[in-house]
Amino acid sequence: MRRFQAGDVDAFTQLYELHLRGLLNFFFRLCWDASLAEDFAQEVLLRVFKSAKQWEPNAKFTTFLYRVARNFWIDHCRLLSTQKEKVSLNAPGDKGDDLSLMDRLPDDIRPPEDDLDRRELYGAIMKALDQLPEEQRMVFVLSEIEEMKYHEIAEVMDIPVGTVKSRMHTAVAKLQELLGDYKPIHTP
């Protein structure tokens, strides 16, 4: 980011390529729609491009990036809440096509076809994750999928580290409860 701030436009291309997949995964796990996730990731990267001067060189770039992503998500949710018609971002089949969550996964993050138990578990986890409140889901996604540390999540979400820990603890407990009875259909 320092190189980009200094005028090296190619440096932003490298940042883009390095962080696009993480943003896609982040947004996909919030909205369960690969097309929306791609649009959101592109918009966030455009906002980062436009606001590069606001990034502090002593700050971690991923913290800045995910703060922009979080703020974009909040703005998007606010926009949806002001509309008369409520739109479900999480329900499978909400596009009138009966596609499951697994069918909606982009090819590059879909689990291997030949590993049925793993695929079933992945689907069960995605459905359980979908049942978490948004604040817990965001903490879980940033921690477990984006592999951010609690203090980084606290900065991104603008909440105390203790709140991050509490939300993570609650999310894990809820996921354990939801997945406690999980038994794979296909066993070797």
Protein backbone atom coordinates (compact mmCIF):
# COMPACT_ATOMS: atom_id res chain seq x y z
CA MET A 1 0.00 0.00 0.00
CA ARG A 2 2.93 2.32 0.67
CA ARG A 3 4.08 1.89 -2.93
CA PHE A 4 0.58 2.68 -4.17
CA GLN A 5 0.40 5.78 -1.99
CA ALA A 6 3.72 6.84 -3.50
CA GLY A 7 2.19 6.64 -7.00
CA ASP A 8 2.93 3.06 -8.11
CA VAL A 9 -0.41 2.01 -9.64
CA ASP A 10 0.90 -1.52 -10.32
CA ALA A 11 1.26 -1.97 -6.56
CA PHE A 12 -2.51 -1.73 -6.22
CA THR A 13 -2.90 -4.48 -8.81
CA GLN A 14 -0.78 -6.69 -6.56
CA LEU A 15 -2.90 -5.76 -3.52
CA TYR A 16 -6.02 -6.49 -5.53
CA GLU A 17 -4.81 -9.94 -6.55
CA LEU A 18 -3.58 -10.73 -3.06
CA HIS A 19 -6.78 -9.78 -1.22
CA LEU A 20 -9.63 -10.40 -3.69
CA ARG A 21 -10.18 -14.04 -2.73
CA GLY A 22 -10.31 -13.22 0.99
CA LEU A 23 -12.90 -10.51 0.37
CA LEU A 24 -14.94 -12.85 -1.84
CA ASN A 25 -14.97 -15.47 0.92
CA PHE A 26 -15.80 -12.86 3.56
CA PHE A 27 -18.80 -11.50 1.67
CA PHE A 28 -19.97 -14.90 0.47
CA ARG A 29 -20.22 -16.10 4.06
CA LEU A 30 -22.28 -13.05 4.91
CA CYS A 31 -24.71 -13.08 1.97
CA TRP A 32 -24.48 -16.63 0.49
CA ASP A 33 -24.56 -15.25 -3.04
CA ALA A 34 -21.39 -15.54 -5.15
CA SER A 35 -22.46 -12.83 -7.58
CA LEU A 36 -23.24 -10.35 -4.79
CA ALA A 37 -20.01 -11.27 -3.01
CA GLU A 38 -18.07 -10.48 -6.16
CA ASP A 39 -19.86 -7.14 -6.58
CA PHE A 40 -19.25 -6.27 -2.93
CA ALA A 41 -15.56 -7.21 -3.08
CA GLN A 42 -15.08 -5.11 -6.23
CA GLU A 43 -16.82 -2.14 -4.61
CA VAL A 44 -14.69 -2.43 -1.46
CA LEU A 45 -11.49 -2.58 -3.47
CA LEU A 46 -12.63 0.46 -5.45
CA ARG A 47 -13.29 2.30 -2.18
CA VAL A 48 -9.86 1.31 -0.89
CA PHE A 49 -8.34 2.57 -4.14
CA LYS A 50 -10.13 5.91 -3.77
CA SER A 51 -9.33 6.28 -0.07
CA ALA A 52 -5.73 5.11 -0.14
CA LYS A 53 -4.53 8.40 1.32
CA GLN A 54 -6.50 7.64 4.51
CA TRP A 55 -4.47 4.49 5.22
CA GLU A 56 -1.86 5.05 7.91
CA PRO A 57 1.49 3.46 6.95
CA ASN A 58 2.02 2.18 10.51
CA ALA A 59 -1.34 0.34 10.42
CA LYS A 60 -1.85 -3.15 9.07
CA PHE A 61 -3.37 -3.04 5.58
CA THR A 62 -5.74 -5.98 6.16
CA THR A 63 -7.25 -4.17 9.15
CA PHE A 64 -7.89 -1.14 6.95
CA LEU A 65 -9.27 -3.34 4.15
CA TYR A 66 -11.69 -5.28 6.36
CA ARG A 67 -12.83 -2.13 8.12
CA VAL A 68 -13.83 -0.75 4.73
CA ALA A 69 -15.51 -4.10 3.96
CA ARG A 70 -17.37 -4.10 7.27
CA ASN A 71 -18.55 -0.53 6.78
CA PHE A 72 -19.69 -1.37 3.27
CA TRP A 73 -21.65 -4.37 4.62
CA ILE A 74 -23.29 -2.21 7.29
CA ASP A 75 -24.24 0.38 4.67
CA HIS A 76 -25.67 -2.35 2.48
CA CYS A 77 -27.72 -3.78 5.36
CA ARG A 78 -29.01 -0.32 6.24
CA LEU A 79 -30.07 0.21 2.66
CA LEU A 80 -31.94 -3.10 2.69
CA SER A 81 -33.65 -2.26 5.97
CA THR A 82 -34.97 1.01 4.56
CA GLN A 83 -36.61 -0.73 1.63
CA LYS A 84 -40.24 -1.74 2.04
CA GLU A 85 -39.71 -5.25 0.74
CA LYS A 86 -37.45 -7.31 2.98
CA VAL A 87 -34.88 -9.32 1.07
CA SER A 88 -33.48 -12.52 2.52
CA LEU A 89 -29.80 -12.75 1.78
CA ASN A 90 -29.37 -16.06 3.48
CA ALA A 91 -32.26 -18.36 2.57
CA PRO A 92 -31.49 -21.04 0.00
CA GLY A 93 -33.83 -20.98 -2.96
CA ASP A 94 -34.70 -17.31 -2.45
CA LYS A 95 -34.07 -16.67 -6.14
CA GLY A 96 -36.87 -19.04 -7.13
CA ASP A 97 -34.42 -21.67 -8.27
CA ASP A 98 -34.34 -24.27 -5.45
CA LEU A 99 -30.53 -24.20 -5.42
CA SER A 100 -28.95 -25.37 -2.18
CA LEU A 101 -26.12 -23.55 -0.45
CA MET A 102 -23.69 -26.07 -1.93
CA ASP A 103 -25.00 -25.34 -5.44
CA ARG A 104 -24.41 -21.63 -4.86
CA LEU A 105 -20.76 -22.05 -3.88
CA PRO A 106 -18.37 -20.66 -6.48
CA ASP A 107 -16.30 -23.40 -8.13
CA ASP A 108 -13.03 -22.16 -6.64
CA ILE A 109 -14.23 -22.60 -3.03
CA ARG A 110 -16.44 -25.65 -3.52
CA PRO A 111 -15.26 -28.72 -1.62
CA PRO A 112 -14.02 -31.71 -3.65
CA GLU A 113 -16.81 -33.68 -5.34
CA ASP A 114 -15.32 -37.06 -4.45
CA ASP A 115 -15.18 -36.41 -0.72
CA LEU A 116 -18.86 -36.78 0.20
CA ASP A 117 -18.45 -36.74 3.98
CA ARG A 118 -16.38 -33.58 3.80
CA ARG A 119 -18.89 -32.02 1.42
CA GLU A 120 -21.80 -32.89 3.70
CA LEU A 121 -19.96 -31.53 6.72
CA TYR A 122 -19.12 -28.35 4.82
CA GLY A 123 -22.79 -27.93 3.90
CA ALA A 124 -23.85 -28.54 7.51
CA ILE A 125 -21.33 -25.96 8.73
CA MET A 126 -22.52 -23.41 6.16
CA LYS A 127 -26.15 -23.92 7.20
CA ALA A 128 -25.23 -23.64 10.88
CA LEU A 129 -23.14 -20.54 10.22
CA ASP A 130 -26.13 -19.03 8.44
CA GLN A 131 -28.16 -19.35 11.65
CA LEU A 132 -25.78 -17.19 13.69
CA PRO A 133 -26.65 -13.55 14.32
CA GLU A 134 -24.75 -11.26 11.96
CA GLU A 135 -22.33 -9.91 14.60
CA GLN A 136 -21.31 -13.42 15.70
CA ARG A 137 -21.05 -14.66 12.11
CA MET A 138 -18.81 -11.74 11.15
CA VAL A 139 -16.48 -12.36 14.11
CA PHE A 140 -16.37 -16.08 13.31
CA VAL A 141 -15.68 -15.49 9.61
CA LEU A 142 -12.92 -12.96 10.31
CA SER A 143 -11.32 -15.22 12.90
CA GLU A 144 -11.64 -18.68 11.43
CA ILE A 145 -11.80 -18.05 7.71
CA GLU A 146 -9.79 -14.86 7.30
CA GLU A 147 -7.49 -15.92 10.18
CA MET A 148 -7.44 -12.51 11.82
CA LYS A 149 -6.37 -12.07 15.43
CA TYR A 150 -8.90 -10.84 17.98
CA HIS A 151 -7.26 -7.42 18.29
CA GLU A 152 -7.44 -7.02 14.49
CA ILE A 153 -11.12 -8.00 14.49
CA ALA A 154 -11.72 -5.49 17.27
CA GLU A 155 -10.16 -2.76 15.13
CA VAL A 156 -12.11 -3.77 12.04
CA MET A 157 -15.44 -3.94 13.88
CA ASP A 158 -14.68 -1.00 16.18
CA ILE A 159 -15.51 -2.98 19.31
CA PRO A 160 -13.47 -3.97 22.39
CA VAL A 161 -11.39 -7.16 22.24
CA GLY A 162 -13.52 -8.54 25.09
CA THR A 163 -16.62 -8.20 22.91
CA VAL A 164 -14.86 -10.04 20.09
CA LYS A 165 -13.98 -12.86 22.49
CA SER A 166 -17.52 -12.99 23.82
CA ARG A 167 -19.07 -13.08 20.35
CA MET A 168 -16.60 -15.73 19.24
CA HIS A 169 -17.30 -17.85 22.31
CA THR A 170 -21.05 -17.57 21.76
CA ALA A 171 -20.69 -18.32 18.04
CA VAL A 172 -18.61 -21.44 18.69
CA ALA A 173 -21.02 -22.64 21.37
CA LYS A 174 -23.99 -22.11 19.04
CA LEU A 175 -22.22 -23.90 16.17
CA GLN A 176 -21.37 -26.80 18.47
CA GLU A 177 -25.00 -26.96 19.52
CA LEU A 178 -26.23 -26.84 15.93
CA LEU A 179 -23.69 -29.39 14.70
CA GLY A 180 -23.79 -31.62 17.77
CA ASP A 181 -26.13 -34.12 16.15
CA TYR A 182 -24.37 -34.07 12.79
CA LYS A 183 -23.79 -37.55 11.42
CA PRO A 184 -22.47 -37.96 7.88
CA ILE A 185 -24.79 -39.88 5.56
CA HIS A 186 -21.96 -41.46 3.61
CA THR A 187 -19.51 -43.27 5.85
CA PRO A 188 -16.54 -45.29 4.54
